[in-house]
Protein backbone atom coordinates (compact mmCIF):
# COMPACT_ATOMS: atom_id res chain seq x y z
CA MET A 1 0.07 -0.19 -0.06
CA ARG A 2 1.48 3.42 -0.75
CA TYR A 3 1.58 5.98 1.95
CA VAL A 4 -0.88 8.46 0.37
CA ASP A 5 -3.73 5.36 0.49
CA MET A 6 -3.31 5.15 4.06
CA PRO A 7 -5.22 6.56 6.80
CA GLU A 8 -3.90 9.85 7.94
CA ASP A 9 -4.04 8.33 11.58
CA GLU A 10 -1.25 5.13 10.29
CA ARG A 11 0.89 7.96 8.57
CA ALA A 12 4.46 7.86 10.59
CA LEU A 13 5.77 10.84 8.99
CA GLU A 14 5.44 14.50 9.45
CA PHE A 15 6.19 16.98 6.74
CA PRO A 16 8.48 18.49 6.18
CA ALA A 17 10.76 15.81 7.19
CA ARG A 18 14.75 15.17 7.12
CA PHE A 19 14.54 12.11 5.07
CA PRO A 20 17.99 9.72 4.33
CA VAL A 21 17.77 8.02 0.52
CA LYS A 22 19.98 5.56 -0.32
CA ALA A 23 20.58 3.94 -3.90
CA MET A 24 22.96 1.16 -4.58
CA GLY A 25 24.50 0.03 -8.00
CA LYS A 26 27.89 -0.63 -9.26
CA PRO A 27 30.85 2.05 -9.47
CA GLU A 28 31.36 2.54 -12.78
CA PHE A 29 27.70 3.63 -13.18
CA GLY A 30 28.22 7.10 -11.35
CA ILE A 31 25.71 6.09 -8.98
CA ARG A 32 26.59 9.26 -6.97
CA GLU A 33 25.85 11.27 -10.09
CA VAL A 34 22.42 9.45 -10.67
CA MET A 35 21.06 10.21 -7.09
CA LEU A 36 21.64 13.88 -7.19
CA GLY A 37 20.32 14.62 -10.42
CA VAL A 38 17.09 12.68 -9.42
CA LEU A 39 16.85 14.74 -6.33
CA ASP A 40 17.48 17.95 -8.52
CA GLN A 41 14.73 16.54 -10.73
CA CYS A 42 12.88 15.78 -8.20
CA LYS A 43 12.95 19.23 -6.33
CA ALA A 44 14.43 17.57 -3.37
CA PRO A 45 17.21 20.21 -1.10
CA TYR A 46 19.50 18.00 0.09
CA GLU A 47 22.55 18.81 2.49
CA PRO A 48 26.05 18.31 0.49
CA TYR A 49 27.61 17.75 3.79
CA SER A 50 25.30 14.50 4.65
CA ILE A 51 26.62 12.57 1.28
CA ALA A 52 27.79 9.30 2.28
CA GLU A 53 29.43 6.41 -0.27
CA ASN A 54 29.64 2.89 1.34
CA HIS A 55 31.47 0.09 -1.14
CA SER A 56 30.58 -3.64 -0.50
CA LYS A 57 33.09 -5.98 0.82
CA SER A 58 33.58 -6.97 -2.50
CA GLY A 59 33.58 -3.90 -4.38
CA LYS A 60 31.00 -4.56 -6.86
CA TYR A 61 28.69 -2.71 -5.36
CA VAL A 62 28.77 0.75 -4.06
CA SER A 63 25.65 2.53 -1.95
CA VAL A 64 25.16 6.05 -1.74
CA THR A 65 23.12 7.59 1.00
CA VAL A 66 21.81 11.49 0.79
CA TYR A 67 19.94 13.19 3.50
CA ILE A 68 16.95 15.24 2.20
CA MET A 69 14.32 17.76 3.56
CA ALA A 70 11.31 15.54 2.24
CA GLN A 71 8.39 17.88 1.90
CA SER A 72 5.45 15.21 1.31
CA ARG A 73 5.21 11.54 0.81
CA GLU A 74 4.38 12.14 -2.52
CA GLN A 75 7.85 13.28 -3.32
CA LEU A 76 9.44 10.85 -1.63
CA ASP A 77 7.58 8.56 -4.23
CA GLU A 78 8.53 10.25 -6.77
CA ILE A 79 11.91 10.10 -5.78
CA TYR A 80 11.92 6.52 -5.58
CA GLU A 81 10.04 5.91 -8.27
CA THR A 82 12.35 7.75 -10.56
CA LEU A 83 15.47 6.30 -8.78
CA SER A 84 13.65 2.83 -9.17
CA ASP A 85 13.41 3.56 -13.09
CA ARG A 86 17.42 4.44 -13.86
CA PRO A 87 19.16 1.40 -15.01
CA GLU A 88 22.02 2.44 -13.11
CA VAL A 89 20.34 1.83 -9.79
CA ALA A 90 20.31 -1.82 -8.72
CA MET A 91 18.35 -1.25 -5.48
CA THR A 92 16.96 1.29 -3.35
CA LEU A 93 16.29 1.62 0.46
């Protein structure tokens, strides 16, 4: 069930809210640039100092986490749907 379809008393977030967005992919695909491009496209203000990259033990994947100031659940849904549609992104969290 999408957040917007939930009854208001069951919704856990209050907006605006500081929220971590995470995406994973192969290092050669430039996941950081993809993530920042999607956040700009979705007009999601982010904290540049909050950008964190972590490589898997094998080095096969990299995850990028960025804290944004989410304005609504619809905005979060748009961000995650846009990230999931990108071929460079293997997974979002």
